[in-house]
PDB file of N, CA and C in Angstrom:
ATOM      1  N   MET A   1      76.826 110.419 -69.381  1.00  0.00           N
ATOM      2  CA  MET A   1      77.792 110.234 -70.455  1.00  0.00           C
ATOM      3  C   MET A   1      77.922 110.753 -71.348  1.00  0.00           C
ATOM      4  N   VAL A   2      78.692 111.407 -72.249  1.00  0.00           N
ATOM      5  CA  VAL A   2      79.667 112.002 -72.613  1.00  0.00           C
ATOM      6  C   VAL A   2      79.305 111.338 -74.269  1.00  0.00           C
ATOM      7  N   TYR A   3      78.997 111.894 -75.263  1.00  0.00           N
ATOM      8  CA  TYR A   3      78.943 110.806 -76.270  1.00  0.00           C
ATOM      9  C   TYR A   3      80.471 111.619 -76.981  1.00  0.00           C
ATOM     10  N   VAL A   4      81.026 110.381 -77.564  1.00  0.00           N
ATOM     11  CA  VAL A   4      81.634 110.135 -77.917  1.00  0.00           C
ATOM     12  C   VAL A   4      82.473 109.762 -78.649  1.00  0.00           C
ATOM     13  N   PRO A   5      81.524 109.778 -80.373  1.00  0.00           N
ATOM     14  CA  PRO A   5      82.324 109.319 -81.509  1.00  0.00           C
ATOM     15  C   PRO A   5      82.722 108.754 -81.368  1.00  0.00           C
ATOM     16  N   SER A   6      84.208 108.439 -81.767  1.00  0.00           N
ATOM     17  CA  SER A   6      84.970 108.059 -82.131  1.00  0.00           C
ATOM     18  C   SER A   6      84.944 106.149 -81.446  1.00  0.00           C
ATOM     19  N   ARG A   7      84.187 106.127 -80.445  1.00  0.00           N
ATOM     20  CA  ARG A   7      83.779 104.990 -79.425  1.00  0.00           C
ATOM     21  C   ARG A   7      82.862 104.322 -79.552  1.00  0.00           C
ATOM     22  N   GLU A   8      82.346 104.930 -80.723  1.00  0.00           N
ATOM     23  CA  GLU A   8      80.083 104.854 -82.242  1.00  0.00           C
ATOM     24  C   GLU A   8      81.929 104.007 -83.026  1.00  0.00           C
ATOM     25  N   ALA A   9      82.435 104.379 -83.126  1.00  0.00           N
ATOM     26  CA  ALA A   9      83.046 104.354 -85.004  1.00  0.00           C
ATOM     27  C   ALA A   9      84.044 102.714 -84.113  1.00  0.00           C
ATOM     28  N   CYS A  10      84.654 102.602 -83.110  1.00  0.00           N
ATOM     29  CA  CYS A  10      85.424 101.834 -83.335  1.00  0.00           C
ATOM     30  C   CYS A  10      84.281 100.792 -83.149  1.00  0.00           C
ATOM     31  N   LEU A  11      83.109 100.841 -82.149  1.00  0.00           N
ATOM     32  CA  LEU A  11      82.201  99.135 -82.224  1.00  0.00           C
ATOM     33  C   LEU A  11      81.975  99.118 -83.663  1.00  0.00           C
ATOM     34  N   ILE A  12      81.539  99.954 -84.111  1.00  0.00           N
ATOM     35  CA  ILE A  12      80.827  99.758 -85.288  1.00  0.00           C
ATOM     36  C   ILE A  12      82.031  99.065 -86.500  1.00  0.00           C
ATOM     37  N   SER A  13      82.654  99.668 -86.359  1.00  0.00           N
ATOM     38  CA  SER A  13      83.913  98.644 -87.343  1.00  0.00           C
ATOM     39  C   SER A  13      84.886  97.175 -86.137  1.00  0.00           C
ATOM     40  N   THR A  14      84.272  96.744 -85.453  1.00  0.00           N
ATOM     41  CA  THR A  14      84.988  95.552 -85.020  1.00  0.00           C
ATOM     42  C   THR A  14      84.080  95.314 -85.028  1.00  0.00           C
ATOM     43  N   VAL A  15      82.339  95.340 -85.048  1.00  0.00           N
ATOM     44  CA  VAL A  15      80.995  94.508 -85.587  1.00  0.00           C
ATOM     45  C   VAL A  15      81.667  93.970 -86.775  1.00  0.00           C
ATOM     46  N   VAL A  16      81.512  95.502 -87.690  1.00  0.00           N
ATOM     47  CA  VAL A  16      82.315  94.568 -89.359  1.00  0.00           C
ATOM     48  C   VAL A  16      82.531  93.130 -89.380  1.00  0.00           C
ATOM     49  N   VAL A  17      84.258  94.192 -88.281  1.00  0.00           N
ATOM     50  CA  VAL A  17      85.973  91.913 -88.368  1.00  0.00           C
ATOM     51  C   VAL A  17      85.039  91.716 -88.136  1.00  0.00           C
ATOM     52  N   ALA A  18      84.270  91.498 -87.210  1.00  0.00           N
ATOM     53  CA  ALA A  18      83.856  90.760 -86.334  1.00  0.00           C
ATOM     54  C   ALA A  18      82.813  88.811 -86.947  1.00  0.00           C
ATOM     55  N   VAL A  19      81.948  90.060 -88.277  1.00  0.00           N
ATOM     56  CA  VAL A  19      81.434  89.741 -89.380  1.00  0.00           C
ATOM     57  C   VAL A  19      81.571  88.976 -89.997  1.00  0.00           C
ATOM     58  N   PHE A  20      83.115  89.263 -90.687  1.00  0.00           N
ATOM     59  CA  PHE A  20      83.573  89.130 -91.659  1.00  0.00           C
ATOM     60  C   PHE A  20      84.466  88.196 -91.554  1.00  0.00           C
ATOM     61  N   LEU A  21      84.912  88.360 -90.376  1.00  0.00           N
ATOM     62  CA  LEU A  21      85.839  86.618 -89.938  1.00  0.00           C
ATOM     63  C   LEU A  21      84.714  85.974 -89.393  1.00  0.00           C
ATOM     64  N   LEU A  22      84.475  85.798 -88.906  1.00  0.00           N
ATOM     65  CA  LEU A  22      83.675  84.412 -88.607  1.00  0.00           C
ATOM     66  C   LEU A  22      81.812  84.379 -88.953  1.00  0.00           C
ATOM     67  N   GLY A  23      81.835  84.895 -90.131  1.00  0.00           N
ATOM     68  CA  GLY A  23      80.522  84.501 -91.109  1.00  0.00           C
ATOM     69  C   GLY A  23      80.983  83.598 -91.630  1.00  0.00           C
ATOM     70  N   GLY A  24      81.430  83.223 -91.962  1.00  0.00           N
ATOM     71  CA  GLY A  24      82.197  82.386 -92.744  1.00  0.00           C
ATOM     72  C   GLY A  24      81.547  80.957 -92.695  1.00  0.00           C
ATOM     73  N   SER A  25      81.646  80.290 -90.869  1.00  0.00           N
ATOM     74  CA  SER A  25      81.180  79.057 -91.336  1.00  0.00           C
ATOM     75  C   SER A  25      79.243  78.971 -91.589  1.00  0.00           C
ATOM     76  N   ILE A  26      78.545  80.095 -91.408  1.00  0.00           N
ATOM     77  CA  ILE A  26      77.110  79.902 -92.276  1.00  0.00           C
ATOM     78  C   ILE A  26      76.815  80.094 -93.720  1.00  0.00           C
ATOM     79  N   PHE A  27      77.875  82.005 -94.081  1.00  0.00           N
ATOM     80  CA  PHE A  27      77.566  81.885 -95.807  1.00  0.00           C
ATOM     81  C   PHE A  27      79.225  81.180 -96.584  1.00  0.00           C
ATOM     82  N   GLY A  28      79.362  80.824 -96.438  1.00  0.00           N
ATOM     83  CA  GLY A  28      80.433  80.139 -96.843  1.00  0.00           C
ATOM     84  C   GLY A  28      80.471  78.966 -97.188  1.00  0.00           C
ATOM     85  N   TRP A  29      78.960  78.042 -95.825  1.00  0.00           N
ATOM     86  CA  TRP A  29      78.535  76.451 -95.704  1.00  0.00           C
ATOM     87  C   TRP A  29      78.731  75.462 -97.250  1.00  0.00           C
ATOM     88  N   ALA A  30      78.865  76.289 -98.425  1.00  0.00           N
ATOM     89  CA  ALA A  30      79.028  75.200-100.332  1.00  0.00           C
ATOM     90  C   ALA A  30      80.487  74.915-100.008  1.00  0.00           C
ATOM     91  N   SER A  31      81.423  75.755-100.017  1.00  0.00           N
ATOM     92  CA  SER A  31      82.738  75.256-100.275  1.00  0.00           C
ATOM     93  C   SER A  31      83.013  74.777 -98.434  1.00  0.00           C
ATOM     94  N   LEU A  32      82.480  75.254 -97.581  1.00  0.00           N
ATOM     95  CA  LEU A  32      82.873  74.110 -96.366  1.00  0.00           C
ATOM     96  C   LEU A  32      83.072  73.076 -97.093  1.00  0.00           C
ATOM     97  N   ALA A  33      81.396  72.539 -97.274  1.00  0.00           N
ATOM     98  CA  ALA A  33      80.971  71.046 -97.588  1.00  0.00           C
ATOM     99  C   ALA A  33      82.408  70.285 -98.354  1.00  0.00           C
ATOM    100  N   GLY A  34      82.365  71.421 -99.557  1.00  0.00           N
ATOM    101  CA  GLY A  34      83.533  71.044-100.248  1.00  0.00           C
ATOM    102  C   GLY A  34      85.152  70.017-100.126  1.00  0.00           C
ATOM    103  N   ILE A  35      85.263  71.814 -99.194  1.00  0.00           N
ATOM    104  CA  ILE A  35      86.581  71.108 -98.820  1.00  0.00           C
ATOM    105  C   ILE A  35      86.562  69.466 -97.455  1.00  0.00           C
ATOM    106  N   PHE A  36      85.898  69.695 -96.793  1.00  0.00           N
ATOM    107  CA  PHE A  36      84.948  68.315 -95.430  1.00  0.00           C
ATOM    108  C   PHE A  36      84.577  67.932 -97.061  1.00  0.00           C
ATOM    109  N   GLU A  37      84.682  67.323 -98.205  1.00  0.00           N
ATOM    110  CA  GLU A  37      84.349  65.856 -98.396  1.00  0.00           C
ATOM    111  C   GLU A  37      86.577  65.549 -98.648  1.00  0.00           C
ATOM    112  N   ARG A  38      86.318  67.215 -99.760  1.00  0.00           N
ATOM    113  CA  ARG A  38      87.365  66.231-100.283  1.00  0.00           C
ATOM    114  C   ARG A  38      89.131  65.448 -98.855  1.00  0.00           C
ATOM    115  N   GLU A  39      88.641  66.843 -97.395  1.00  0.00           N
ATOM    116  CA  GLU A  39      88.981  65.939 -96.855  1.00  0.00           C
ATOM    117  C   GLU A  39      88.396  64.270 -96.153  1.00  0.00           C
ATOM    118  N   GLY A  40      87.605  63.913 -96.715  1.00  0.00           N
ATOM    119  CA  GLY A  40      87.027  62.849 -96.222  1.00  0.00           C
ATOM    120  C   GLY A  40      86.144  62.681 -94.727  1.00  0.00           C
ATOM    121  N   PHE A  41      85.970  63.445 -94.942  1.00  0.00           N
ATOM    122  CA  PHE A  41      84.672  63.847 -93.021  1.00  0.00           C
ATOM    123  C   PHE A  41      83.332  62.888 -93.470  1.00  0.00           C
ATOM    124  N   TYR A  42      82.784  61.630 -92.669  1.00  0.00           N
ATOM    125  CA  TYR A  42      81.723  61.239 -93.026  1.00  0.00           C
ATOM    126  C   TYR A  42      81.795  60.237 -94.364  1.00  0.00           C
ATOM    127  N   ALA A  43      83.550  60.052 -94.200  1.00  0.00           N
ATOM    128  CA  ALA A  43      83.917  58.778 -95.777  1.00  0.00           C
ATOM    129  C   ALA A  43      82.865  57.414 -94.797  1.00  0.00           C
ATOM    130  N   SER A  44      82.735  57.412 -93.656  1.00  0.00           N
ATOM    131  CA  SER A  44      82.315  56.326 -94.052  1.00  0.00           C
ATOM    132  C   SER A  44      81.210  55.992 -93.845  1.00  0.00           C
ATOM    133  N   GLU A  45      80.491  57.032 -95.071  1.00  0.00           N
ATOM    134  CA  GLU A  45      78.708  56.583 -94.005  1.00  0.00           C
ATOM    135  C   GLU A  45      78.892  56.440 -96.208  1.00  0.00           C
ATOM    136  N   CYS A  46      79.495  56.230 -97.206  1.00  0.00           N
ATOM    137  CA  CYS A  46      79.760  55.418 -98.178  1.00  0.00           C
ATOM    138  C   CYS A  46      80.266  54.631 -98.709  1.00  0.00           C
ATOM    139  N   LYS A  47      79.148  54.243 -98.659  1.00  0.00           N
ATOM    140  CA  LYS A  47      79.949  52.305 -98.808  1.00  0.00           C
ATOM    141  C   LYS A  47      79.945  52.591-101.052  1.00  0.00           C
ATOM    142  N   GLU A  48      80.797  51.190-101.356  1.00  0.00           N
ATOM    143  CA  GLU A  48      80.685  50.837-102.014  1.00  0.00           C
ATOM    144  C   GLU A  48      80.461  50.269-103.606  1.00  0.00           C
ATOM    145  N   GLY A  49      79.090  50.798-103.365  1.00  0.00           N
ATOM    146  CA  GLY A  49      78.462  50.290-105.063  1.00  0.00           C
ATOM    147  C   GLY A  49      77.356  52.226-104.706  1.00  0.00           C
ATOM    148  N   ASP A  50      77.399  53.323-103.386  1.00  0.00           N
ATOM    149  CA  ASP A  50      76.825  54.020-103.085  1.00  0.00           C
ATOM    150  C   ASP A  50      77.194  55.763-103.995  1.00  0.00           C
ATOM    151  N   PHE A  51      78.135  55.216-105.055  1.00  0.00           N
ATOM    152  CA  PHE A  51      78.261  56.539-105.839  1.00  0.00           C
ATOM    153  C   PHE A  51      76.589  57.052-107.585  1.00  0.00           C
ATOM    154  N   ASP A  52      76.674  58.046-106.177  1.00  0.00           N
ATOM    155  CA  ASP A  52      75.462  58.681-107.270  1.00  0.00           C
ATOM    156  C   ASP A  52      76.131  60.154-108.287  1.00  0.00           C
ATOM    157  N   PRO A  53      75.648  60.068-109.618  1.00  0.00           N
ATOM    158  CA  PRO A  53      76.776  61.149-110.526  1.00  0.00           C
ATOM    159  C   PRO A  53      75.998  62.342-109.637  1.00  0.00           C
ATOM    160  N   LYS A  54      74.153  62.215-109.151  1.00  0.00           N
ATOM    161  CA  LYS A  54      73.564  63.573-109.679  1.00  0.00           C
ATOM    162  C   LYS A  54      73.736  64.585-108.214  1.00  0.00           C
ATOM    163  N   VAL A  55      73.990  63.667-106.810  1.00  0.00           N
ATOM    164  CA  VAL A  55      74.488  64.250-105.766  1.00  0.00           C
ATOM    165  C   VAL A  55      76.488  65.219-105.304  1.00  0.00           C
ATOM    166  N   PRO A  56      76.020  65.907-105.086  1.00  0.00           N
ATOM    167  CA  PRO A  56      77.247  66.314-105.331  1.00  0.00           C
ATOM    168  C   PRO A  56      78.417  65.666-104.719  1.00  0.00           C
ATOM    169  N   GLY A  57      79.671  64.936-104.855  1.00  0.00           N
ATOM    170  CA  GLY A  57      80.491  64.028-103.765  1.00  0.00           C
ATOM    171  C   GLY A  57      80.618  63.231-103.629  1.00  0.00           C
ATOM    172  N   GLY A  58      78.887  62.348-105.077  1.00  0.00           N
ATOM    173  CA  GLY A  58      78.499  61.052-105.450  1.00  0.00           C
ATOM    174  C   GLY A  58      78.483  60.224-104.084  1.00  0.00           C
ATOM    175  N   CYS A  59      77.810  60.314-102.883  1.00  0.00           N
ATOM    176  CA  CYS A  59      77.535  60.305-102.190  1.00  0.00           C
ATOM    177  C   CYS A  59      76.110  60.789-101.017  1.00  0.00           C
ATOM    178  N   HIS A  60      74.807  59.925-101.339  1.00  0.00           N
ATOM    179  CA  HIS A  60      74.024  60.144-100.699  1.00  0.00           C
ATOM    180  C   HIS A  60      73.929  61.023 -98.977  1.00  0.00           C
ATOM    181  N   LEU A  61      74.057  59.694 -98.552  1.00  0.00           N
ATOM    182  CA  LEU A  61      73.777  59.394 -97.220  1.00  0.00           C
ATOM    183  C   LEU A  61      75.359  59.962 -96.239  1.00  0.00           C
ATOM    184  N   ARG A  62      76.039  60.632 -96.842  1.00  0.00           N
ATOM    185  CA  ARG A  62      77.124  61.600 -96.788  1.00  0.00           C
ATOM    186  C   ARG A  62      77.103  63.322 -96.621  1.00  0.00           C
ATOM    187  N   SER A  63      75.831  63.256 -97.903  1.00  0.00           N
ATOM    188  CA  SER A  63      75.560  65.166 -98.699  1.00  0.00           C
ATOM    189  C   SER A  63      74.568  65.198 -97.547  1.00  0.00           C
ATOM    190  N   LEU A  64      73.524  64.036 -96.771  1.00  0.00           N
ATOM    191  CA  LEU A  64      73.023  64.453 -96.079  1.00  0.00           C
ATOM    192  C   LEU A  64      72.988  64.674 -94.664  1.00  0.00           C
ATOM    193  N   ARG A  65      74.412  64.363 -94.334  1.00  0.00           N
ATOM    194  CA  ARG A  65      75.278  64.371 -93.090  1.00  0.00           C
ATOM    195  C   ARG A  65      75.406  66.142 -93.114  1.00  0.00           C
ATOM    196  N   PHE A  66      76.451  66.261 -94.469  1.00  0.00           N
ATOM    197  CA  PHE A  66      76.513  67.588 -93.962  1.00  0.00           C
ATOM    198  C   PHE A  66      75.164  68.648 -94.136  1.00  0.00           C
ATOM    199  N   ASN A  67      74.161  68.437 -95.105  1.00  0.00           N
ATOM    200  CA  ASN A  67      72.912  69.107 -94.928  1.00  0.00           C
ATOM    201  C   ASN A  67      72.861  68.933 -93.230  1.00  0.00           C
ATOM    202  N   LEU A  68      72.349  68.127 -92.778  1.00  0.00           N
ATOM    203  CA  LEU A  68      71.696  68.179 -91.463  1.00  0.00           C
ATOM    204  C   LEU A  68      72.728  69.076 -90.727  1.00  0.00           C
ATOM    205  N   ALA A  69      74.277  69.118 -90.264  1.00  0.00           N
ATOM    206  CA  ALA A  69      75.312  70.333 -89.724  1.00  0.00           C
ATOM    207  C   ALA A  69      74.575  71.474 -89.690  1.00  0.00           C
ATOM    208  N   PHE A  70      74.249  71.498 -92.113  1.00  0.00           N
ATOM    209  CA  PHE A  70      73.853  73.559 -92.254  1.00  0.00           C
ATOM    210  C   PHE A  70      72.417  73.318 -91.386  1.00  0.00           C
ATOM    211  N   THR A  71      71.801  72.844 -91.387  1.00  0.00           N
ATOM    212  CA  THR A  71      70.534  72.624 -90.860  1.00  0.00           C
ATOM    213  C   THR A  71      70.687  72.868 -89.762  1.00  0.00           C
ATOM    214  N   VAL A  72      71.194  72.515 -88.302  1.00  0.00           N
ATOM    215  CA  VAL A  72      70.971  72.782 -87.834  1.00  0.00           C
ATOM    216  C   VAL A  72      72.009  73.858 -86.776  1.00  0.00           C
ATOM    217  N   ALA A  73      73.270  74.627 -87.591  1.00  0.00           N
ATOM    218  CA  ALA A  73      73.506  75.001 -87.912  1.00  0.00           C
ATOM    219  C   ALA A  73      72.723  76.514 -87.346  1.00  0.00           C
ATOM    220  N   SER A  74      72.284  76.668 -88.588  1.00  0.00           N
ATOM    221  CA  SER A  74      71.504  77.570 -88.562  1.00  0.00           C
ATOM    222  C   SER A  74      69.809  77.763 -88.405  1.00  0.00           C
ATOM    223  N   SER A  75      68.808  76.289 -87.720  1.00  0.00           N
ATOM    224  CA  SER A  75      68.540  76.946 -87.098  1.00  0.00           C
ATOM    225  C   SER A  75      68.668  77.470 -85.752  1.00  0.00           C
ATOM    226  N   LEU A  76      69.805  76.990 -85.339  1.00  0.00           N
ATOM    227  CA  LEU A  76      70.840  77.336 -83.858  1.00  0.00           C
ATOM    228  C   LEU A  76      70.751  78.799 -83.665  1.00  0.00           C
ATOM    229  N   MET A  77      71.182  79.515 -84.654  1.00  0.00           N
ATOM    230  CA  MET A  77      71.546  80.963 -84.356  1.00  0.00           C
ATOM    231  C   MET A  77      70.441  81.346 -84.957  1.00  0.00           C
ATOM    232  N   PRO A  78      69.166  81.421 -84.670  1.00  0.00           N
ATOM    233  CA  PRO A  78      68.411  82.988 -84.502  1.00  0.00           C
ATOM    234  C   PRO A  78      68.346  82.105 -82.670  1.00  0.00           C
ATOM    235  N   VAL A  79      68.201  81.270 -82.104  1.00  0.00           N
ATOM    236  CA  VAL A  79      68.480  81.262 -81.129  1.00  0.00           C
ATOM    237  C   VAL A  79      69.301  81.671 -79.864  1.00  0.00           C
ATOM    238  N   LEU A  80      70.428  81.420 -80.338  1.00  0.00           N
ATOM    239  CA  LEU A  80      71.599  81.493 -79.771  1.00  0.00           C
ATOM    240  C   LEU A  80      71.461  83.495 -80.266  1.00  0.00           C
ATOM    241  N   THR A  81      70.585  84.090 -81.143  1.00  0.00           N
ATOM    242  CA  THR A  81      70.171  84.820 -80.814  1.00  0.00           C
ATOM    243  C   THR A  81      69.996  86.419 -79.346  1.00  0.00           C
ATOM    244  N   LEU A  82      68.995  85.474 -79.387  1.00  0.00           N
ATOM    245  CA  LEU A  82      67.578  86.038 -78.926  1.00  0.00           C
ATOM    246  C   LEU A  82      68.872  85.843 -77.595  1.00  0.00           C
ATOM    247  N   LEU A  83      69.497  84.565 -77.085  1.00  0.00           N
ATOM    248  CA  LEU A  83      70.337  84.484 -75.943  1.00  0.00           C
ATOM    249  C   LEU A  83      71.367  85.622 -75.682  1.00  0.00           C
ATOM    250  N   PHE A  84      72.239  85.708 -76.693  1.00  0.00           N
ATOM    251  CA  PHE A  84      73.390  87.069 -76.912  1.00  0.00           C
ATOM    252  C   PHE A  84      72.429  87.870 -76.462  1.00  0.00           C
ATOM    253  N   GLY A  85      71.459  88.864 -77.206  1.00  0.00           N
ATOM    254  CA  GLY A  85      70.606  89.635 -76.514  1.00  0.00           C
ATOM    255  C   GLY A  85      70.009  89.937 -75.912  1.00  0.00           C
ATOM    256  N   ASN A  86      70.020  89.091 -74.571  1.00  0.00           N
ATOM    257  CA  ASN A  86      68.977  88.883 -73.546  1.00  0.00           C
ATOM    258  C   ASN A  86      70.099  89.067 -72.662  1.00  0.00           C
ATOM    259  N   GLN A  87      72.022  88.189 -73.196  1.00  0.00           N
ATOM    260  CA  GLN A  87      72.706  88.485 -72.686  1.00  0.00           C
ATOM    261  C   GLN A  87      73.429  89.966 -72.097  1.00  0.00           C
ATOM    262  N   LEU A  88      72.865  90.629 -73.550  1.00  0.00           N
ATOM    263  CA  LEU A  88      73.468  91.843 -74.406  1.00  0.00           C
ATOM    264  C   LEU A  88      72.642  93.170 -72.981  1.00  0.00           C
ATOM    265  N   ASP A  89      71.621  92.605 -72.821  1.00  0.00           N
ATOM    266  CA  ASP A  89      70.529  93.583 -72.186  1.00  0.00           C
ATOM    267  C   ASP A  89      71.233  93.442 -70.647  1.00  0.00           C
ATOM    268  N   ARG A  90      71.444  92.306 -70.374  1.00  0.00           N
ATOM    269  CA  ARG A  90      71.513  92.159 -68.698  1.00  0.00           C
ATOM    270  C   ARG A  90      73.145  91.851 -67.970  1.00  0.00           C
ATOM    271  N   TYR A  91      74.231  91.780 -69.305  1.00  0.00           N
ATOM    272  CA  TYR A  91      75.785  92.251 -68.880  1.00  0.00           C
ATOM    273  C   TYR A  91      76.430  93.438 -69.719  1.00  0.00           C
ATOM    274  N   GLY A  92      76.198  93.476 -70.609  1.00  0.00           N
ATOM    275  CA  GLY A  92      76.830  95.081 -71.634  1.00  0.00           C
ATOM    276  C   GLY A  92      77.179  94.201 -72.394  1.00  0.00           C
ATOM    277  N   PRO A  93      78.175  95.116 -72.668  1.00  0.00           N
ATOM    278  CA  PRO A  93      78.444  94.465 -74.444  1.00  0.00           C
ATOM    279  C   PRO A  93      79.631  94.201 -74.972  1.00  0.00           C
ATOM    280  N   LYS A  94      80.545  94.587 -73.714  1.00  0.00           N
ATOM    281  CA  LYS A  94      82.074  94.469 -72.751  1.00  0.00           C
ATOM    282  C   LYS A  94      82.101  92.435 -73.187  1.00  0.00           C
ATOM    283  N   ARG A  95      80.881  91.981 -72.350  1.00  0.00           N
ATOM    284  CA  ARG A  95      80.900  90.098 -70.998  1.00  0.00           C
ATOM    285  C   ARG A  95      80.459  90.613 -72.007  1.00  0.00           C
ATOM    286  N   THR A  96      79.448  90.602 -73.548  1.00  0.00           N
ATOM    287  CA  THR A  96      78.870  89.573 -74.460  1.00  0.00           C
ATOM    288  C   THR A  96      79.630  89.692 -75.294  1.00  0.00           C
ATOM    289  N   SER A  97      80.413  90.538 -75.558  1.00  0.00           N
ATOM    290  CA  SER A  97      81.520  90.200 -77.196  1.00  0.00           C
ATOM    291  C   SER A  97      82.593  89.169 -76.174  1.00  0.00           C
ATOM    292  N   ILE A  98      83.005  89.487 -74.742  1.00  0.00           N
ATOM    293  CA  ILE A  98      83.331  88.426 -74.612  1.00  0.00           C
ATOM    294  C   ILE A  98      83.636  86.826 -74.672  1.00  0.00           C
ATOM    295  N   THR A  99      82.225  87.289 -74.127  1.00  0.00           N
ATOM    296  CA  THR A  99      81.895  85.895 -74.487  1.00  0.00           C
ATOM    297  C   THR A  99      81.606  85.462 -76.002  1.00  0.00           C
ATOM    298  N   GLY A 100      81.294  85.979 -76.119  1.00  0.00           N
ATOM    299  CA  GLY A 100      81.057  85.778 -77.816  1.00  0.00           C
ATOM    300  C   GLY A 100      81.965  84.956 -78.319  1.00  0.00           C
ATOM    301  N   ALA A 101      83.659  85.850 -78.132  1.00  0.00           N
ATOM    302  CA  ALA A 101      84.751  86.558 -78.578  1.00  0.00           C
ATOM    303  C   ALA A 101      85.702  84.598 -78.954  1.00  0.00           C
ATOM    304  N   PHE A 102      85.295  83.981 -77.568  1.00  0.00           N
ATOM    305  CA  PHE A 102      85.261  83.262 -76.447  1.00  0.00           C
ATOM    306  C   PHE A 102      85.041  81.816 -77.410  1.00  0.00           C
ATOM    307  N   LEU A 103      83.756  82.104 -76.814  1.00  0.00           N
ATOM    308  CA  LEU A 103      82.940  80.895 -78.333  1.00  0.00           C
ATOM    309  C   LEU A 103      83.278  80.157 -79.499  1.00  0.00           C
ATOM    310  N   ALA A 104      84.102  81.648 -79.941  1.00  0.00           N
ATOM    311  CA  ALA A 104      83.918  81.423 -81.552  1.00  0.00           C
ATOM    312  C   ALA A 104      85.434  81.017 -82.004  1.00  0.00           C
ATOM    313  N   VAL A 105      86.219  81.907 -80.618  1.00  0.00           N
ATOM    314  CA  VAL A 105      87.707  80.764 -80.776  1.00  0.00           C
ATOM    315  C   VAL A 105      87.375  79.590 -80.033  1.00  0.00           C
ATOM    316  N   MET A 106      86.712  78.984 -79.610  1.00  0.00           N
ATOM    317  CA  MET A 106      86.649  77.315 -79.364  1.00  0.00           C
ATOM    318  C   MET A 106      86.230  76.804 -80.477  1.00  0.00           C
ATOM    319  N   GLY A 107      85.210  76.952 -81.274  1.00  0.00           N
ATOM    320  CA  GLY A 107      83.967  76.725 -82.208  1.00  0.00           C
ATOM    321  C   GLY A 107      85.011  76.255 -83.064  1.00  0.00           C
ATOM    322  N   ASN A 108      86.574  77.962 -83.320  1.00  0.00           N
ATOM    323  CA  ASN A 108      86.948  77.627 -84.356  1.00  0.00           C
ATOM    324  C   ASN A 108      88.409  76.147 -84.197  1.00  0.00           C
ATOM    325  N   LEU A 109      88.534  76.527 -82.691  1.00  0.00           N
ATOM    326  CA  LEU A 109      89.515  75.249 -82.468  1.00  0.00           C
ATOM    327  C   LEU A 109      88.908  74.053 -82.940  1.00  0.00           C
ATOM    328  N   CYS A 110      88.317  73.889 -82.141  1.00  0.00           N
ATOM    329  CA  CYS A 110      86.946  72.119 -82.672  1.00  0.00           C
ATOM    330  C   CYS A 110      87.895  72.202 -84.553  1.00  0.00           C
ATOM    331  N   PHE A 111      86.739  73.431 -85.159  1.00  0.00           N
ATOM    332  CA  PHE A 111      87.766  72.618 -86.236  1.00  0.00           C
ATOM    333  C   PHE A 111      89.070  72.372 -87.046  1.00  0.00           C
ATOM    334  N   ALA A 112      89.420  73.352 -86.730  1.00  0.00           N
ATOM    335  CA  ALA A 112      91.045  72.805 -86.537  1.00  0.00           C
ATOM    336  C   ALA A 112      91.994  71.899 -85.628  1.00  0.00           C
ATOM    337  N   LEU A 113      91.277  71.062 -84.430  1.00  0.00           N
ATOM    338  CA  LEU A 113      91.667  70.054 -84.681  1.00  0.00           C
ATOM    339  C   LEU A 113      90.807  68.841 -84.613  1.00  0.00           C
ATOM    340  N   GLY A 114      89.635  68.960 -86.172  1.00  0.00           N
ATOM    341  CA  GLY A 114      89.080  68.541 -85.901  1.00  0.00           C
ATOM    342  C   GLY A 114      89.906  67.163 -86.615  1.00  0.00           C
ATOM    343  N   ASN A 115      89.127  66.275 -86.232  1.00  0.00           N
ATOM    344  CA  ASN A 115      90.546  65.489 -87.674  1.00  0.00           C
ATOM    345  C   ASN A 115      89.163  64.139 -88.149  1.00  0.00           C
ATOM    346  N   SER A 116      89.231  63.833 -89.502  1.00  0.00           N
ATOM    347  CA  SER A 116      88.404  63.204 -90.758  1.00  0.00           C
ATOM    348  C   SER A 116      87.915  61.245 -89.712  1.00  0.00           C
ATOM    349  N   GLU A 117      88.155  61.015 -89.615  1.00  0.00           N
ATOM    350  CA  GLU A 117      88.962  59.655 -88.234  1.00  0.00           C
ATOM    351  C   GLU A 117      87.584  59.369 -87.934  1.00  0.00           C
ATOM    352  N   ALA A 118      87.731  60.531 -86.928  1.00  0.00           N
ATOM    353  CA  ALA A 118      86.282  60.701 -85.573  1.00  0.00           C
ATOM    354  C   ALA A 118      85.054  60.672 -86.526  1.00  0.00           C
ATOM    355  N   SER A 119      85.411  60.706 -87.581  1.00  0.00           N
ATOM    356  CA  SER A 119      83.103  61.321 -88.099  1.00  0.00           C
ATOM    357  C   SER A 119      82.825  59.867 -88.495  1.00  0.00           C
TER     358      SER A 119
END
C-alpha cells in the first residue's frame, strides 16, 4: 500500500469534526439537562409540593432521572467503544465509520422527535 499523507490528514480531520459534532451529548450534558428541564421532560415526576430550592430545577425525582440517563450513557460508552474497536479490526474504518454515522443520525433523530409528554 502506498503512503499518502493527504489521506491521513483527511482521516484525522474527519475524526476531529465527528468528535466536535457528536461529543456534545456527553460533554455538554449539564446544558442539555437544563434545556430538557425547560422543555418539560420528566415533569410528571414532580408533584405539587416537591419543590426543593437546593436541587437544580427544584425537583429531586426529576433530577434523579436526568442523572440516571447520564450515568447509563456514560457507562455504556466504554463498552460500545470496545465493540466498535472490534468492528474496526474486523471490517475496517469505512464500514465502521458508516455504521457509527448511521447510529449517530438515529440518536439525533430520537432527540429531535422526542417530546416531553411521552417521558
